[in-house]
């Protein structure tokens, strides 16, 4: 059980017992608190942040059966709040077993104060308006596509600045300080930490700055903080390799697949080239009007990036048909029937997404000239890589000089990857294992980002029981691969 310390209402930092931020937390009988901290820890500016917290104890008949070290969850996105998502929280509880779960909205998130809301960005973001964003489909000119999204990024920054937010303080290092204060106020000696996607980067930041507070770290489908300052094209070539690896699996397992795509090294580029030469064009209903959507080779790669777990079995057929001029599969591939003219991201604070993605780059944030040149070299980065758009974010984040150094720690850690996850595959844990010798990793067959299966919970439970023991990963193939679709 958490034991919050009673404090005077003028004390900063402090923790107050309050009503739960969501009905989901209330239904789960969470002990709910609000944390009050400095917006700027190093140079207080008169502003505070208020973060909602829920402590959910396990359902045991005997409180003595509860494991003593709780698990603190770092949500991803960045900017995605899980506090109103009952299924998500229940999955986490299944993962961690007989332990208390601490969930919270980090600074800038939806239920925090201030919440960095930028709804205009949701209408154009390739990450959140998944396939039919104007940044992908508005025209065949990459520079025209750029304008849709860069204008909203700049407008978001200006909106938050006008609201009096010290934007540079919304970083992973500041969130780490927030959590360290929360841990002390909840009277926990140590915590296990569990990150999701970019939340794993935040969890690693916590390991970097407060290693003595961490018993173990679970890095779920991780996108590591120490490499967030990489060049935009870096991730593009990584995902292209994943697509080719999928085709390699097909030709290795199926003679029919090998016969159909003998040049499988080149198949992705040939499909892309065909769509660049002759784009797929669709008419959709947008209110009372018809709207034209354009899908070229860049849109093909971006869609595959976002939807690979759903489409990998169909990929051999698609890359065979498209270069031959057969576009019959593209109506479904580009999900034309699911077009929705109204875009929103209800669980996101979109300004928090941009703040963390851009601020944590520190002085490595690109200029508009850098990003324009990158998009001219490779238009597909518009659709999947947020770092290029940080050129239009109005300032650098206030991050310590060592923030983007590789994390070096003896902390026991478990990295979980999905085999069909283009963004966050085993490359990251292989990199990190060089400086975190007690890191173990598992790749879940056939699954993508945020994989959910029995094996995930089994492995996490085993790891938490003894973080330094070798985890049994033999269950990683429990989800079978889909059948390969070939002619």
Protein backbone atom coordinates (compact mmCIF):
# COMPACT_ATOMS: atom_id res chain seq x y z
CA UNK A 1 0.00 0.00 0.00
CA UNK A 2 1.14 3.54 -0.75
CA UNK A 3 1.55 5.91 2.16
CA UNK A 4 1.32 9.52 1.02
CA UNK A 5 2.85 12.11 3.30
CA UNK A 6 0.60 14.86 4.68
CA UNK A 7 1.82 18.32 3.71
CA UNK A 8 0.89 21.98 3.88
CA UNK A 9 -1.02 23.19 0.81
CA UNK A 10 1.73 25.70 -0.01
CA UNK A 11 4.48 23.08 -0.05
CA UNK A 12 6.06 22.23 -3.40
CA UNK A 13 6.49 19.39 -4.15
CA UNK A 14 3.53 17.78 -2.41
CA UNK A 15 1.01 15.00 -2.86
CA UNK A 16 -2.69 15.33 -2.01
CA UNK A 17 -5.31 12.62 -1.79
CA UNK A 18 -7.94 13.66 -4.37
CA UNK A 19 -10.81 12.39 -6.48
CA UNK A 20 -9.73 10.08 -9.29
CA UNK A 21 -9.03 11.70 -12.66
CA UNK A 22 -11.19 9.16 -14.52
CA UNK A 23 -14.13 6.87 -13.87
CA UNK A 24 -11.92 3.92 -14.81
CA UNK A 25 -9.58 4.59 -11.89
CA UNK A 26 -12.55 4.95 -9.57
CA UNK A 27 -14.06 1.68 -10.80
CA UNK A 28 -10.74 -0.06 -10.13
CA UNK A 29 -10.78 1.19 -6.53
CA UNK A 30 -7.56 3.09 -7.07
CA UNK A 31 -6.09 5.31 -4.38
CA UNK A 32 -5.92 8.61 -6.23
CA UNK A 33 -3.65 11.59 -5.71
CA UNK A 34 -2.60 14.85 -7.31
CA UNK A 35 1.09 15.68 -7.39
CA UNK A 36 2.13 19.33 -7.31
CA UNK A 37 5.60 20.10 -8.66
CA UNK A 38 7.61 22.92 -10.13
CA UNK A 39 7.24 23.50 -13.84
CA UNK A 40 10.93 24.45 -13.84
CA UNK A 41 12.76 22.49 -11.16
CA UNK A 42 16.10 24.25 -11.60
CA UNK A 43 14.79 27.81 -11.83
CA UNK A 44 11.22 28.00 -10.44
CA UNK A 45 9.13 30.40 -12.50
CA UNK A 46 5.97 30.60 -10.36
CA UNK A 47 4.20 27.95 -12.44
CA UNK A 48 3.40 24.50 -11.12
CA UNK A 49 2.41 21.24 -12.75
CA UNK A 50 -0.37 19.05 -11.37
CA UNK A 51 -0.21 15.37 -12.23
CA UNK A 52 -2.98 12.82 -11.55
CA UNK A 53 -1.87 9.51 -10.03
CA UNK A 54 -3.66 6.23 -9.40
CA UNK A 55 -2.30 3.47 -7.18
CA UNK A 56 -4.09 0.19 -7.89
CA UNK A 57 -3.42 -2.61 -5.42
CA UNK A 58 -3.74 -6.26 -6.49
CA UNK A 59 -6.87 -8.21 -5.73
CA UNK A 60 -5.65 -10.49 -2.96
CA UNK A 61 -7.45 -11.82 0.08
CA UNK A 62 -4.41 -11.20 2.22
CA UNK A 63 -2.53 -7.91 1.95
CA UNK A 64 0.60 -9.72 3.08
CA UNK A 65 0.59 -11.57 -0.26
CA UNK A 66 1.24 -8.31 -2.16
CA UNK A 67 4.78 -7.96 -3.46
CA UNK A 68 6.54 -5.05 -1.78
CA UNK A 69 7.98 -3.26 -4.82
CA UNK A 70 5.29 -1.60 -6.96
CA UNK A 71 5.38 -1.14 -10.73
CA UNK A 72 5.24 2.39 -12.13
CA UNK A 73 4.00 2.63 -15.72
CA UNK A 74 5.35 5.23 -18.18
CA UNK A 75 2.83 5.80 -21.00
CA UNK A 76 4.02 6.32 -24.56
CA UNK A 77 2.89 8.24 -27.58
CA UNK A 78 4.36 10.49 -26.36
CA UNK A 79 1.30 12.20 -24.94
CA UNK A 80 -1.05 9.18 -24.76
CA UNK A 81 -3.05 8.95 -21.52
CA UNK A 82 -4.07 5.46 -20.37
CA UNK A 83 -6.01 6.68 -17.32
CA UNK A 84 -9.38 6.28 -19.03
CA UNK A 85 -8.58 3.01 -20.81
CA UNK A 86 -9.85 0.13 -18.67
CA UNK A 87 -8.66 -2.64 -21.02
CA UNK A 88 -5.15 -1.21 -21.16
CA UNK A 89 -4.85 -0.96 -17.39
CA UNK A 90 -6.26 -4.45 -16.88
CA UNK A 91 -3.66 -5.85 -19.28
CA UNK A 92 -0.92 -4.14 -17.25
CA UNK A 93 -2.32 -5.65 -14.06
CA UNK A 94 -2.26 -9.08 -15.67
CA UNK A 95 1.34 -8.46 -16.74
CA UNK A 96 2.66 -7.54 -13.30
CA UNK A 97 0.78 -10.07 -11.19
CA UNK A 98 0.61 -9.63 -7.43
CA UNK A 99 2.03 -6.11 -7.32
CA UNK A 100 0.65 -2.63 -6.94
CA UNK A 101 0.41 -0.66 -10.19
CA UNK A 102 1.08 3.08 -10.23
CA UNK A 103 -0.31 4.93 -13.26
CA UNK A 104 -0.08 8.64 -13.92
CA UNK A 105 -0.29 11.29 -16.60
CA UNK A 106 3.14 12.89 -17.03
CA UNK A 107 3.45 16.65 -17.34
CA UNK A 108 1.56 18.04 -20.33
CA UNK A 109 -0.65 14.95 -20.79
CA UNK A 110 -4.45 15.00 -21.09
CA UNK A 111 -5.44 14.92 -17.40
CA UNK A 112 -2.45 16.93 -16.15
CA UNK A 113 -2.44 20.68 -15.52
CA UNK A 114 -1.47 22.31 -17.74
CA UNK A 115 -2.54 19.95 -20.50
CA UNK A 116 -0.71 20.83 -23.70
CA UNK A 117 -3.66 20.65 -26.06
CA UNK A 118 -3.23 21.33 -29.79
CA UNK A 119 -6.29 19.87 -31.54
CA UNK A 120 -5.36 21.41 -34.89
CA UNK A 121 -2.31 19.19 -35.08
CA UNK A 122 -4.45 16.05 -34.72
CA UNK A 123 -6.06 16.83 -38.08
CA UNK A 124 -2.77 16.57 -39.97
CA UNK A 125 -0.52 14.32 -37.88
CA UNK A 126 0.63 11.19 -39.71
CA UNK A 127 0.90 9.45 -36.35
CA UNK A 128 -2.63 10.08 -35.20
CA UNK A 129 -4.75 10.56 -38.34
CA UNK A 130 -3.35 7.23 -39.39
CA UNK A 131 -3.67 6.82 -43.17
CA UNK A 132 -5.63 9.66 -44.70
CA UNK A 133 -3.75 12.63 -43.28
CA UNK A 134 -3.21 15.61 -45.63
CA UNK A 135 0.51 15.12 -45.01
CA UNK A 136 0.23 11.97 -47.13
CA UNK A 137 -2.74 12.29 -49.47
CA UNK A 138 -3.42 15.97 -50.22
CA UNK A 139 -1.29 16.16 -53.35
CA UNK A 140 1.60 14.57 -55.18
CA UNK A 141 3.99 17.39 -54.27
CA UNK A 142 5.96 16.67 -51.06
CA UNK A 143 6.46 20.38 -50.40
CA UNK A 144 2.69 20.95 -50.49
CA UNK A 145 2.23 18.04 -48.09
CA UNK A 146 4.81 19.53 -45.74
CA UNK A 147 2.94 22.82 -45.51
CA UNK A 148 -0.12 21.15 -43.97
CA UNK A 149 1.78 19.80 -41.01
CA UNK A 150 4.49 22.42 -40.45
CA UNK A 151 1.94 25.23 -40.15
CA UNK A 152 0.15 23.35 -37.36
CA UNK A 153 3.39 22.55 -35.54
CA UNK A 154 4.34 26.23 -35.48
CA UNK A 155 0.80 27.21 -34.45
CA UNK A 156 0.84 24.69 -31.59
CA UNK A 157 4.06 26.13 -30.18
CA UNK A 158 2.72 29.67 -30.41
CA UNK A 159 -0.55 28.66 -28.72
CA UNK A 160 1.25 27.14 -25.75
CA UNK A 161 3.61 30.10 -25.47
CA UNK A 162 0.62 32.48 -25.46
CA UNK A 163 -0.89 30.42 -22.62
CA UNK A 164 2.19 31.11 -20.48
CA UNK A 165 3.65 27.59 -20.61
CA UNK A 166 7.44 27.36 -20.27
CA UNK A 167 7.54 24.88 -23.11
CA UNK A 168 11.19 23.91 -22.76
CA UNK A 169 10.43 22.20 -19.42
CA UNK A 170 8.26 19.44 -20.89
CA UNK A 171 10.96 16.81 -21.27
CA UNK A 172 11.81 13.27 -20.19
CA UNK A 173 14.37 14.58 -17.69
CA UNK A 174 11.76 16.80 -16.03
CA UNK A 175 9.30 13.89 -15.91
CA UNK A 176 12.02 11.78 -14.28
CA UNK A 177 12.40 14.41 -11.57
CA UNK A 178 8.62 14.48 -11.11
CA UNK A 179 8.53 10.73 -10.60
CA UNK A 180 11.43 10.75 -8.16
CA UNK A 181 9.52 13.26 -6.02
CA UNK A 182 6.36 11.14 -6.32
CA UNK A 183 8.25 8.01 -5.29
CA UNK A 184 9.53 9.75 -2.17
CA UNK A 185 6.11 11.15 -1.32
CA UNK A 186 4.50 7.72 -1.69
CA UNK A 187 7.19 6.37 0.64
CA UNK A 188 8.49 3.72 -1.78
CA UNK A 189 12.08 2.61 -1.27
CA UNK A 190 12.37 1.21 -4.80
CA UNK A 191 10.11 0.78 -7.79
CA UNK A 192 9.95 -1.42 -10.85
CA UNK A 193 9.37 0.68 -13.95
CA UNK A 194 7.48 -0.33 -17.10
CA UNK A 195 7.57 1.81 -20.24
CA UNK A 196 5.54 1.62 -23.43
CA UNK A 197 7.15 2.72 -26.71
CA UNK A 198 8.47 6.26 -26.14
CA UNK A 199 7.57 5.69 -22.49
CA UNK A 200 10.44 3.21 -22.44
CA UNK A 201 12.69 6.11 -23.32
CA UNK A 202 11.29 8.03 -20.37
CA UNK A 203 11.82 4.98 -18.17
CA UNK A 204 15.44 4.84 -19.30
CA UNK A 205 15.82 8.50 -18.44
CA UNK A 206 14.68 7.65 -14.94
CA UNK A 207 17.31 4.89 -14.82
CA UNK A 208 19.90 7.39 -16.01
CA UNK A 209 19.17 10.01 -13.36
CA UNK A 210 17.94 7.90 -10.43
CA UNK A 211 19.44 4.40 -10.77
CA UNK A 212 19.30 3.71 -7.03
CA UNK A 213 15.52 4.09 -7.08
CA UNK A 214 14.97 1.35 -9.67
CA UNK A 215 14.73 -2.35 -8.81
CA UNK A 216 14.13 -3.38 -12.43
CA UNK A 217 12.98 -1.97 -15.77
CA UNK A 218 10.58 -3.40 -18.34
CA UNK A 219 11.08 -1.76 -21.74
CA UNK A 220 7.95 -2.45 -23.73
CA UNK A 221 8.33 -2.18 -27.56
CA UNK A 222 10.93 0.48 -26.79
CA UNK A 223 12.00 3.59 -28.63
CA UNK A 224 15.04 4.67 -26.68
CA UNK A 225 15.73 8.21 -25.55
CA UNK A 226 19.45 7.97 -26.20
CA UNK A 227 18.86 7.68 -29.95
CA UNK A 228 16.01 10.16 -30.35
CA UNK A 229 18.45 12.67 -31.82
CA UNK A 230 19.26 10.51 -34.85
CA UNK A 231 18.88 11.79 -38.40
CA UNK A 232 15.35 11.33 -39.85
CA UNK A 233 16.50 9.07 -42.68
CA UNK A 234 18.01 6.61 -40.22
CA UNK A 235 14.67 5.16 -39.20
CA UNK A 236 13.44 5.12 -42.78
CA UNK A 237 16.14 2.68 -43.84
CA UNK A 238 15.50 0.59 -40.74
CA UNK A 239 11.85 0.11 -41.61
CA UNK A 240 12.63 -0.67 -45.24
CA UNK A 241 14.88 -3.47 -44.00
CA UNK A 242 11.99 -4.82 -41.93
CA UNK A 243 9.74 -4.95 -44.99
CA UNK A 244 12.41 -6.82 -46.94
CA UNK A 245 12.96 -9.16 -43.99
CA UNK A 246 9.25 -10.07 -44.15
CA UNK A 247 9.58 -10.98 -47.81
CA UNK A 248 12.70 -12.98 -46.95
CA UNK A 249 10.64 -15.00 -44.47
CA UNK A 250 8.10 -15.72 -47.20
CA UNK A 251 10.60 -16.96 -49.80
CA UNK A 252 12.38 -19.02 -47.15
CA UNK A 253 9.21 -20.79 -46.10
CA UNK A 254 7.32 -21.02 -49.41
CA UNK A 255 8.54 -22.26 -52.79
CA UNK A 256 5.52 -20.58 -54.38
CA UNK A 257 6.58 -17.29 -52.84
CA UNK A 258 10.14 -17.67 -54.15
CA UNK A 259 8.80 -18.33 -57.65
CA UNK A 260 6.45 -15.35 -57.50
CA UNK A 261 8.96 -12.79 -56.21
CA UNK A 262 12.43 -14.07 -57.17
CA UNK A 263 13.78 -10.49 -56.90
CA UNK A 264 12.51 -10.02 -53.38
CA UNK A 265 15.41 -7.70 -52.47
CA UNK A 266 13.97 -5.23 -54.99
CA UNK A 267 10.25 -5.89 -54.60
CA UNK A 268 9.44 -3.06 -52.18
CA UNK A 269 11.25 -0.45 -54.31
CA UNK A 270 9.60 -1.72 -57.50
CA UNK A 271 6.12 -1.41 -55.97
CA UNK A 272 6.99 2.05 -54.76
CA UNK A 273 8.32 3.09 -58.17
CA UNK A 274 5.14 1.88 -59.87
CA UNK A 275 3.04 4.06 -57.56
CA UNK A 276 5.32 7.03 -58.09
CA UNK A 277 4.88 6.62 -61.85
CA UNK A 278 1.12 6.04 -61.61
CA UNK A 279 -0.37 6.95 -58.21
CA UNK A 280 -3.49 5.29 -56.88
CA UNK A 281 -6.25 7.93 -56.71
CA UNK A 282 -9.46 7.54 -54.72
CA UNK A 283 -12.61 9.63 -54.38
CA UNK A 284 -14.16 9.81 -50.93
CA UNK A 285 -17.10 11.58 -49.32
CA UNK A 286 -16.05 14.52 -47.14
CA UNK A 287 -19.14 16.11 -45.68
CA UNK A 288 -21.31 17.17 -48.61
CA UNK A 289 -18.39 17.21 -51.03
CA UNK A 290 -16.18 14.71 -52.78
CA UNK A 291 -12.50 14.72 -51.96
CA UNK A 292 -9.59 13.28 -53.90
CA UNK A 293 -6.91 11.28 -52.10
CA UNK A 294 -3.55 10.65 -53.74
CA UNK A 295 -1.43 7.62 -52.86
CA UNK A 296 2.06 7.48 -54.32
CA UNK A 297 5.10 5.40 -53.41
CA UNK A 298 5.74 7.38 -50.24
CA UNK A 299 2.14 6.79 -49.10
CA UNK A 300 2.63 3.08 -49.81
CA UNK A 301 5.65 2.91 -47.49
CA UNK A 302 3.98 5.01 -44.81
CA UNK A 303 0.85 2.87 -44.81
CA UNK A 304 2.93 -0.30 -44.61
CA UNK A 305 4.89 1.20 -41.74
CA UNK A 306 1.72 1.84 -39.75
CA UNK A 307 -0.12 -1.33 -40.71
CA UNK A 308 2.54 -4.03 -41.17
CA UNK A 309 1.14 -6.36 -38.44
CA UNK A 310 -2.17 -6.44 -40.33
CA UNK A 311 -0.74 -6.64 -43.85
CA UNK A 312 2.47 -8.67 -43.69
CA UNK A 313 0.78 -11.86 -44.93
CA UNK A 314 -0.60 -10.00 -47.97
CA UNK A 315 2.66 -8.22 -48.78
CA UNK A 316 3.98 -10.86 -51.24
CA UNK A 317 0.81 -10.58 -53.31
CA UNK A 318 0.74 -6.77 -53.22
CA UNK A 319 4.36 -6.32 -54.32
CA UNK A 320 3.73 -8.78 -57.16
CA UNK A 321 0.55 -7.14 -58.43
CA UNK A 322 1.34 -3.44 -58.18
CA UNK A 323 4.41 -3.35 -60.49
CA UNK A 324 2.29 -5.21 -63.08
CA UNK A 325 -0.31 -2.43 -62.99
CA UNK A 326 -2.83 -4.45 -60.97
CA UNK A 327 -4.11 -2.06 -58.28
CA UNK A 328 -7.10 -4.19 -57.26
CA UNK A 329 -5.78 -4.72 -53.73
CA UNK A 330 -5.08 -1.05 -53.00
CA UNK A 331 -8.64 0.00 -52.13
CA UNK A 332 -8.47 -2.24 -49.08
CA UNK A 333 -4.76 -1.65 -48.45
CA UNK A 334 -5.29 2.11 -48.17
CA UNK A 335 -8.52 1.53 -46.18
CA UNK A 336 -10.61 3.77 -48.40
CA UNK A 337 -13.88 2.53 -46.88
CA UNK A 338 -12.67 3.69 -43.45
CA UNK A 339 -12.09 7.29 -44.52
CA UNK A 340 -13.36 9.72 -41.90
CA UNK A 341 -13.28 13.47 -42.65
CA UNK A 342 -13.37 14.28 -38.92
CA UNK A 343 -10.03 13.55 -37.28
CA UNK A 344 -9.28 13.51 -33.59
CA UNK A 345 -6.98 11.86 -31.08
CA UNK A 346 -9.12 11.66 -27.94
CA UNK A 347 -6.54 10.22 -25.55
CA UNK A 348 -3.72 12.49 -26.68
CA UNK A 349 -2.55 15.92 -25.66
CA UNK A 350 -1.02 16.76 -29.00
CA UNK A 351 1.19 19.54 -27.65
CA UNK A 352 2.70 17.02 -25.23
CA UNK A 353 3.48 14.74 -28.18
CA UNK A 354 5.35 17.53 -29.94
CA UNK A 355 7.00 18.86 -26.79
CA UNK A 356 8.58 15.56 -25.85
CA UNK A 357 9.47 14.50 -29.40
CA UNK A 358 11.15 17.84 -30.11
CA UNK A 359 12.36 19.10 -26.73
CA UNK A 360 14.35 15.97 -25.94
CA UNK A 361 16.51 16.57 -28.98
CA UNK A 362 17.97 19.58 -27.21
CA UNK A 363 20.47 21.34 -29.47
CA UNK A 364 20.16 18.54 -32.04
CA UNK A 365 16.82 19.91 -33.20
CA UNK A 366 16.93 20.45 -37.01
CA UNK A 367 16.44 23.74 -38.84
CA UNK A 368 13.81 24.13 -41.58
CA UNK A 369 16.63 23.93 -44.12
CA UNK A 370 17.72 20.57 -42.64
CA UNK A 371 14.22 19.14 -42.81
CA UNK A 372 13.33 20.49 -46.23
CA UNK A 373 16.48 18.93 -47.64
CA UNK A 374 15.67 15.63 -45.89
CA UNK A 375 12.15 15.53 -47.36
CA UNK A 376 13.47 16.40 -50.80
CA UNK A 377 15.85 13.44 -50.54
CA UNK A 378 13.20 11.11 -49.13
CA UNK A 379 9.53 12.24 -49.23
CA UNK A 380 8.35 9.20 -47.26
CA UNK A 381 9.71 10.57 -43.99
CA UNK A 382 6.76 12.99 -43.90
CA UNK A 383 4.48 10.14 -42.95
CA UNK A 384 6.30 8.34 -40.18
CA UNK A 385 9.21 10.21 -38.64
CA UNK A 386 8.30 13.10 -36.29
CA UNK A 387 11.82 14.40 -35.85
CA UNK A 388 11.93 16.32 -39.13
CA UNK A 389 8.92 18.44 -38.14
CA UNK A 390 10.69 19.65 -34.99
CA UNK A 391 12.33 22.27 -37.22
CA UNK A 392 9.06 24.22 -36.87
CA UNK A 393 8.86 23.76 -33.10
CA UNK A 394 9.78 27.16 -31.73
CA UNK A 395 12.64 26.33 -29.35
CA UNK A 396 15.02 23.76 -27.91
CA UNK A 397 14.15 21.74 -24.83
CA UNK A 398 15.97 22.38 -21.56
CA UNK A 399 17.75 19.05 -21.29
CA UNK A 400 20.98 18.17 -19.47
CA UNK A 401 23.99 17.79 -21.78
CA UNK A 402 24.18 14.06 -21.02
CA UNK A 403 20.53 13.41 -21.85
CA UNK A 404 21.22 11.90 -25.27
CA UNK A 405 24.25 9.88 -24.18
CA UNK A 406 23.91 6.11 -24.14
CA UNK A 407 22.45 4.86 -20.84
CA UNK A 408 25.03 2.94 -18.80
CA UNK A 409 23.60 1.00 -15.86
CA UNK A 410 23.67 -2.33 -14.03
CA UNK A 411 19.87 -2.20 -13.66
CA UNK A 412 18.16 -5.49 -14.58
CA UNK A 413 15.99 -4.88 -17.62
CA UNK A 414 13.67 -6.79 -19.93
CA UNK A 415 12.99 -5.54 -23.47
CA UNK A 416 9.88 -6.82 -25.27
CA UNK A 417 9.57 -6.52 -29.06
CA UNK A 418 7.02 -7.49 -31.69
CA UNK A 419 8.43 -9.23 -34.77
CA UNK A 420 6.25 -7.12 -37.09
CA UNK A 421 7.00 -3.80 -35.41
CA UNK A 422 8.92 -1.65 -37.94
CA UNK A 423 9.75 1.18 -35.53
CA UNK A 424 10.86 -0.57 -32.37
CA UNK A 425 12.47 -3.89 -33.13
CA UNK A 426 15.37 -5.73 -31.52
CA UNK A 427 17.88 -3.29 -32.95
CA UNK A 428 17.22 -1.06 -29.95
CA UNK A 429 17.88 -3.69 -27.28
CA UNK A 430 20.97 -4.91 -29.12
CA UNK A 431 22.32 -1.36 -28.98
CA UNK A 432 21.44 -0.91 -25.32
CA UNK A 433 22.80 -4.28 -24.20
CA UNK A 434 26.32 -3.00 -24.86
CA UNK A 435 26.04 -0.64 -21.88
CA UNK A 436 23.35 -2.40 -19.81
CA UNK A 437 24.83 -5.87 -19.21
CA UNK A 438 21.78 -7.10 -17.28
CA UNK A 439 19.39 -6.51 -20.17
CA UNK A 440 17.40 -9.45 -21.60
CA UNK A 441 15.19 -9.30 -24.69
CA UNK A 442 12.35 -11.26 -26.26
CA UNK A 443 10.74 -10.92 -29.70
CA UNK A 444 7.09 -11.99 -30.02
CA UNK A 445 6.45 -13.78 -33.30
CA UNK A 446 3.82 -12.32 -35.68
CA UNK A 447 2.96 -9.39 -33.39
CA UNK A 448 3.51 -5.67 -33.84
CA UNK A 449 3.77 -2.63 -31.62
CA UNK A 450 2.39 -3.18 -28.10
CA UNK A 451 2.06 -6.96 -28.50
CA UNK A 452 -0.60 -8.63 -26.37
CA UNK A 453 -0.38 -12.38 -25.77
CA UNK A 454 -0.11 -14.80 -22.89
CA UNK A 455 3.66 -15.01 -23.32
CA UNK A 456 4.04 -11.32 -22.56
CA UNK A 457 2.43 -11.62 -19.15
CA UNK A 458 4.21 -14.89 -18.36
CA UNK A 459 7.64 -13.45 -19.12
CA UNK A 460 7.04 -10.17 -17.28
CA UNK A 461 5.82 -12.02 -14.19
CA UNK A 462 8.86 -14.28 -14.23
CA UNK A 463 11.23 -11.35 -14.70
CA UNK A 464 9.72 -9.33 -11.86
CA UNK A 465 10.04 -12.33 -9.56
CA UNK A 466 13.83 -12.44 -10.02
CA UNK A 467 15.11 -9.73 -12.40
CA UNK A 468 18.67 -11.10 -12.49
CA UNK A 469 17.64 -14.66 -13.39
CA UNK A 470 17.54 -15.83 -16.99
CA UNK A 471 13.98 -15.53 -18.32
CA UNK A 472 12.45 -18.47 -20.20
CA UNK A 473 11.57 -17.08 -23.65
CA UNK A 474 10.39 -20.36 -25.16
CA UNK A 475 6.81 -19.06 -25.44
CA UNK A 476 7.73 -16.27 -27.87
CA UNK A 477 6.33 -18.14 -30.91
CA UNK A 478 2.94 -18.94 -29.39
CA UNK A 479 1.16 -16.73 -31.96
CA UNK A 480 1.43 -18.44 -35.37
CA UNK A 481 2.43 -16.52 -38.46
CA UNK A 482 -0.32 -15.68 -40.94
CA UNK A 483 -0.52 -17.62 -44.19
CA UNK A 484 1.41 -15.99 -47.02
CA UNK A 485 -0.86 -14.79 -49.79
CA UNK A 486 0.65 -15.65 -53.17
CA UNK A 487 -0.96 -16.16 -56.55
